[in-house]
Amino acid sequence: MNTASRENRKLNDKIKFGMMSAFTAGMVNVSSLVLFFSFTSNITGHFAILANELANGNIFKIAIALLWISLYFTGSFFSNFLIRNGATTNKYLSHSVPIVLEIICLVAVGLYGHYVYAETLIETEILVAVLLFAMGLQNGLTASIASFGLKTTHLTGLTTDLAIHLSMLFKKDMANKENIRNRMKLMGSIALGYLIGGAVAGKIIHYAHFMVFIYISVAMIVIMVYDWSKTFSIKEMYKRQRQRQRAIFTTTDEQDVLGKKYAQS
């Protein structure tokens, strides 16, 4: 497999993984906005809430805002920690644990909301906290897998990067424009996946209500299966490469032995 085809395959894999992850993030964000009147796929607004509550001196609300931000941070930290420390032992396991934890969080919110939720303020704040932890897990997972070049739960930085890359294309002496176009394809696909996910959630949530989080969990299972398939195929590719290398070395050694025998005869 030549370098160009290998790079195209990596790009296509990133686009597929990025779109699927962004799709679920868009669904979660729109669902939480409709059900809880709060965004959960990013924490930019929660920093603004924290700053406002600090100015007002409301200790309880300051604690809640800090809890939300801390849980998002903890989720991202945990995902990256697992991936960086588990990549050398079991790559698929290190990827799947954050996804499984996110699925558990989503299912818990969906079931609690459907069967128990009484719409009290403390319940809402706890459920939002659980979703923020789940989105931290997902953002840390996608960023770590893509060497911090892929974030799928929020679009502010992505929109900025997309605009910057577009401006680079207008620079005549800009080298490696193909790489810039590829980056734009990836970022555009993530934005599209997020938008589609949000639209789907907005369409079904009025009759699915909290069960929408169960549907999102199913989508996360699809992502986990896709990641498993790619991890398995990569292992097989490296296994075949090692077998070919061994065959080449064996053939070379045999030729050296025959050459020595021929020289001695």
Protein backbone atom coordinates (compact mmCIF):
# COMPACT_ATOMS: atom_id res chain seq x y z
CA MET A 1 0.00 0.00 0.00
CA ASN A 2 1.57 3.31 -1.08
CA THR A 3 1.77 6.43 1.07
CA ALA A 4 -0.99 8.35 -0.76
CA SER A 5 -3.56 5.57 -0.44
CA ARG A 6 -2.62 5.05 3.23
CA GLU A 7 -3.13 8.76 3.94
CA ASN A 8 -6.48 8.76 2.12
CA ARG A 9 -7.61 5.78 4.18
CA LYS A 10 -6.61 7.53 7.41
CA LEU A 11 -8.50 10.65 6.32
CA ASN A 12 -11.62 8.64 5.47
CA ASP A 13 -11.45 6.84 8.82
CA LYS A 14 -11.16 10.17 10.66
CA ILE A 15 -14.09 11.60 8.70
CA LYS A 16 -16.31 8.60 9.50
CA PHE A 17 -15.35 8.51 13.17
CA GLY A 18 -15.61 12.30 13.48
CA MET A 19 -19.02 12.47 11.82
CA MET A 20 -20.47 9.68 13.98
CA SER A 21 -19.10 11.22 17.19
CA ALA A 22 -20.30 14.70 16.23
CA PHE A 23 -23.72 13.27 15.34
CA THR A 24 -24.17 11.91 18.88
CA ALA A 25 -22.83 15.13 20.42
CA GLY A 26 -25.32 17.18 18.43
CA MET A 27 -28.13 14.92 19.58
CA VAL A 28 -27.08 15.23 23.23
CA ASN A 29 -26.74 19.00 23.08
CA VAL A 30 -30.12 19.63 21.47
CA SER A 31 -31.81 17.10 23.76
CA SER A 32 -30.38 18.69 26.90
CA LEU A 33 -31.32 22.13 25.62
CA VAL A 34 -34.95 21.09 25.09
CA LEU A 35 -35.29 19.02 28.26
CA PHE A 36 -33.09 20.97 30.71
CA PHE A 37 -32.64 24.37 29.02
CA SER A 38 -28.89 23.86 29.26
CA PHE A 39 -26.09 23.07 26.83
CA THR A 40 -24.03 20.00 27.73
CA SER A 41 -21.68 19.31 24.82
CA ASN A 42 -19.37 22.18 25.80
CA ILE A 43 -18.62 24.31 28.87
CA THR A 44 -18.04 27.77 27.40
CA GLY A 45 -21.41 28.98 28.63
CA HIS A 46 -20.84 27.40 32.03
CA PHE A 47 -17.68 29.45 32.50
CA ALA A 48 -19.81 32.52 31.80
CA ILE A 49 -22.33 31.32 34.39
CA LEU A 50 -19.50 30.79 36.88
CA ALA A 51 -18.16 34.29 36.30
CA ASN A 52 -21.63 35.80 36.76
CA GLU A 53 -22.27 33.86 39.98
CA LEU A 54 -18.85 34.86 41.31
CA ALA A 55 -19.84 38.47 40.73
CA ASN A 56 -23.17 37.90 42.48
CA GLY A 57 -21.61 35.96 45.35
CA ASN A 58 -24.09 33.07 45.13
CA ILE A 59 -22.11 30.26 46.79
CA PHE A 60 -24.50 27.44 45.88
CA LYS A 61 -24.63 28.35 42.19
CA ILE A 62 -20.86 28.83 42.15
CA ALA A 63 -20.49 25.29 43.50
CA ILE A 64 -22.85 23.91 40.85
CA ALA A 65 -21.00 25.67 38.01
CA LEU A 66 -17.66 24.41 39.37
CA LEU A 67 -19.10 20.89 39.61
CA TRP A 68 -20.24 20.98 35.98
CA ILE A 69 -16.89 22.26 34.73
CA SER A 70 -14.96 19.79 36.93
CA LEU A 71 -16.96 16.80 35.67
CA TYR A 72 -16.38 17.76 32.02
CA PHE A 73 -12.67 18.15 32.83
CA THR A 74 -12.60 14.82 34.66
CA GLY A 75 -14.23 13.01 31.74
CA SER A 76 -11.68 14.39 29.28
CA PHE A 77 -8.80 13.60 31.62
CA PHE A 78 -9.98 10.03 32.20
CA SER A 79 -10.36 9.30 28.47
CA ASN A 80 -6.91 10.59 27.59
CA PHE A 81 -5.33 8.85 30.59
CA LEU A 82 -6.80 5.51 29.53
CA ILE A 83 -5.80 5.87 25.90
CA ARG A 84 -2.23 7.03 26.58
CA ASN A 85 -1.59 4.32 29.16
CA GLY A 86 -3.52 1.54 27.45
CA ALA A 87 -2.35 2.03 23.87
CA THR A 88 0.65 -0.25 24.36
CA THR A 89 -1.29 -3.06 26.08
CA ASN A 90 -4.82 -3.17 24.67
CA LYS A 91 -5.70 -0.39 22.29
CA TYR A 92 -9.32 -1.41 21.79
CA LEU A 93 -9.97 -1.74 25.53
CA SER A 94 -8.56 1.73 26.19
CA HIS A 95 -10.92 3.12 23.52
CA SER A 96 -13.99 1.15 24.55
CA VAL A 97 -13.96 1.93 28.30
CA PRO A 98 -14.73 5.67 27.83
CA ILE A 99 -17.46 4.79 25.32
CA VAL A 100 -19.00 2.25 27.69
CA LEU A 101 -18.95 4.79 30.53
CA GLU A 102 -20.59 7.36 28.26
CA ILE A 103 -23.28 4.83 27.30
CA ILE A 104 -23.93 4.11 30.99
CA CYS A 105 -24.32 7.85 31.67
CA LEU A 106 -26.71 8.32 28.75
CA VAL A 107 -28.81 5.27 29.65
CA ALA A 108 -28.96 6.40 33.29
CA VAL A 109 -30.18 9.88 32.29
CA GLY A 110 -32.70 8.41 29.86
CA LEU A 111 -34.19 5.90 32.31
CA TYR A 112 -34.23 8.28 35.26
CA GLY A 113 -35.80 11.00 33.18
CA HIS A 114 -38.43 8.67 31.75
CA TYR A 115 -39.46 6.92 34.98
CA VAL A 116 -38.45 9.12 37.93
CA TYR A 117 -37.75 12.74 36.96
CA ALA A 118 -39.98 15.20 38.81
CA GLU A 119 -38.47 18.33 37.17
CA THR A 120 -36.97 19.66 40.40
CA LEU A 121 -33.98 21.99 40.20
CA ILE A 122 -31.59 19.65 42.01
CA GLU A 123 -32.53 16.75 39.71
CA THR A 124 -31.94 18.91 36.66
CA GLU A 125 -28.54 20.04 37.92
CA ILE A 126 -27.46 16.45 38.63
CA LEU A 127 -28.63 15.14 35.25
CA VAL A 128 -26.86 18.00 33.47
CA ALA A 129 -23.71 17.14 35.46
CA VAL A 130 -23.90 13.50 34.31
CA LEU A 131 -24.28 14.58 30.67
CA LEU A 132 -21.32 16.98 30.97
CA PHE A 133 -19.17 14.13 32.30
CA ALA A 134 -20.30 11.98 29.35
CA MET A 135 -19.46 14.71 26.85
CA GLY A 136 -16.08 15.22 28.50
CA LEU A 137 -15.41 11.51 28.03
CA GLN A 138 -16.33 11.73 24.34
CA ASN A 139 -14.36 14.89 23.62
CA GLY A 140 -11.28 13.52 25.39
CA LEU A 141 -11.64 10.26 23.49
CA THR A 142 -11.88 11.75 20.00
CA ALA A 143 -9.15 14.33 20.69
CA SER A 144 -6.75 11.71 22.06
CA ILE A 145 -7.33 9.22 19.24
CA ALA A 146 -6.68 11.93 16.64
CA SER A 147 -3.60 13.36 18.44
CA PHE A 148 -5.61 16.37 19.65
CA GLY A 149 -6.57 17.36 16.11
CA LEU A 150 -10.20 16.25 16.37
CA LYS A 151 -12.86 17.61 18.72
CA THR A 152 -16.48 16.75 18.07
CA THR A 153 -18.59 18.04 20.97
CA HIS A 154 -18.34 21.76 20.21
CA LEU A 155 -17.91 23.82 17.06
CA THR A 156 -16.52 27.20 18.18
CA GLY A 157 -12.87 26.33 17.70
CA LEU A 158 -13.69 24.19 14.67
CA THR A 159 -15.44 27.10 12.94
CA THR A 160 -12.43 29.33 13.64
CA ASP A 161 -10.03 26.69 12.30
CA LEU A 162 -12.19 26.18 9.22
CA ALA A 163 -12.15 29.91 8.47
CA ILE A 164 -8.36 30.05 8.95
CA HIS A 165 -7.78 27.09 6.64
CA LEU A 166 -10.07 28.61 4.01
CA SER A 167 -8.09 31.86 4.10
CA MET A 168 -4.88 29.86 3.58
CA LEU A 169 -6.17 28.57 0.24
CA PHE A 170 -6.19 32.13 -1.11
CA LYS A 171 -2.46 32.48 -0.46
CA LYS A 172 -0.79 31.74 -3.78
CA ASP A 173 2.57 30.60 -2.42
CA MET A 174 1.01 28.40 0.27
CA ALA A 175 2.63 24.99 0.18
CA ASN A 176 0.79 21.70 0.65
CA LYS A 177 -2.70 22.94 -0.22
CA GLU A 178 -3.91 19.35 -0.48
CA ASN A 179 -3.30 18.90 3.24
CA ILE A 180 -5.30 22.07 3.95
CA ARG A 181 -8.20 20.82 1.82
CA ASN A 182 -8.15 17.50 3.64
CA ARG A 183 -8.30 19.27 6.99
CA MET A 184 -11.24 21.32 5.73
CA LYS A 185 -13.03 18.15 4.60
CA LEU A 186 -12.59 16.69 8.08
CA MET A 187 -13.79 19.82 9.86
CA GLY A 188 -16.70 20.27 7.47
CA SER A 189 -17.80 16.66 7.98
CA ILE A 190 -17.73 17.11 11.77
CA ALA A 191 -19.86 20.27 11.54
CA LEU A 192 -22.29 18.48 9.22
CA GLY A 193 -22.52 15.45 11.53
CA TYR A 194 -23.19 17.70 14.52
CA LEU A 195 -25.87 19.60 12.61
CA ILE A 196 -27.60 16.43 11.41
CA GLY A 197 -27.50 14.93 14.91
CA GLY A 198 -29.02 18.05 16.39
CA ALA A 199 -31.74 18.15 13.76
CA VAL A 200 -32.61 14.48 14.31
CA ALA A 201 -32.83 15.02 18.07
CA GLY A 202 -34.98 18.11 17.60
CA LYS A 203 -37.31 16.13 15.37
CA ILE A 204 -37.82 13.08 17.59
CA ILE A 205 -37.51 14.49 21.10
CA HIS A 206 -41.09 15.79 21.23
CA TYR A 207 -42.43 12.23 21.17
CA ALA A 208 -39.37 10.30 22.42
CA HIS A 209 -38.65 12.68 25.33
CA PHE A 210 -35.98 11.17 27.63
CA MET A 211 -35.84 7.95 25.63
CA VAL A 212 -33.84 9.92 23.06
CA PHE A 213 -30.80 9.23 25.25
CA ILE A 214 -31.36 5.50 24.75
CA TYR A 215 -31.28 6.06 20.98
CA ILE A 216 -28.05 8.02 21.38
CA SER A 217 -26.62 5.09 23.37
CA VAL A 218 -27.37 2.78 20.45
CA ALA A 219 -25.47 5.18 18.18
CA MET A 220 -22.53 5.04 20.62
CA ILE A 221 -22.56 1.24 20.39
CA VAL A 222 -22.27 1.59 16.60
CA ILE A 223 -19.24 3.85 17.12
CA MET A 224 -17.68 1.28 19.47
CA VAL A 225 -18.21 -1.51 16.94
CA TYR A 226 -16.71 0.66 14.18
CA ASP A 227 -13.68 1.42 16.35
CA TRP A 228 -13.28 -2.29 17.07
CA SER A 229 -13.42 -3.12 13.36
CA LYS A 230 -10.76 -0.51 12.54
CA THR A 231 -8.52 -1.61 15.41
CA PHE A 232 -8.83 -5.25 14.29
CA SER A 233 -8.10 -4.38 10.64
CA ILE A 234 -5.05 -2.35 11.65
CA LYS A 235 -3.75 -5.25 13.73
CA GLU A 236 -4.23 -7.58 10.77
CA MET A 237 -2.44 -5.14 8.46
CA TYR A 238 0.57 -4.93 10.78
CA LYS A 239 0.53 -8.71 11.20
CA ARG A 240 0.67 -9.19 7.41
CA GLN A 241 3.45 -6.61 7.16
CA ARG A 242 5.50 -8.44 9.78
CA GLN A 243 4.91 -11.74 7.96
CA ARG A 244 6.10 -10.21 4.68
CA GLN A 245 9.17 -8.76 6.41
CA ARG A 246 10.00 -12.16 7.94
CA ALA A 247 9.59 -13.79 4.52
CA ILE A 248 11.93 -11.23 2.95
CA PHE A 249 14.53 -11.69 5.69
CA THR A 250 14.26 -15.49 5.45
CA THR A 251 14.69 -15.39 1.67
CA THR A 252 17.68 -13.06 2.02
CA ASP A 253 19.32 -15.34 4.61
CA GLU A 254 18.77 -18.40 2.39
CA GLN A 255 20.32 -16.59 -0.56
CA ASP A 256 23.34 -15.66 1.56
CA VAL A 257 23.80 -19.29 2.64
CA LEU A 258 23.53 -20.54 -0.94
CA GLY A 259 25.95 -17.89 -2.08
CA LYS A 260 28.52 -18.94 0.51
CA LYS A 261 28.15 -22.62 -0.45
CA TYR A 262 28.55 -21.74 -4.12
CA ALA A 263 31.67 -19.71 -3.34
CA GLN A 264 33.21 -22.59 -1.36
CA SER A 265 32.52 -25.19 -4.05
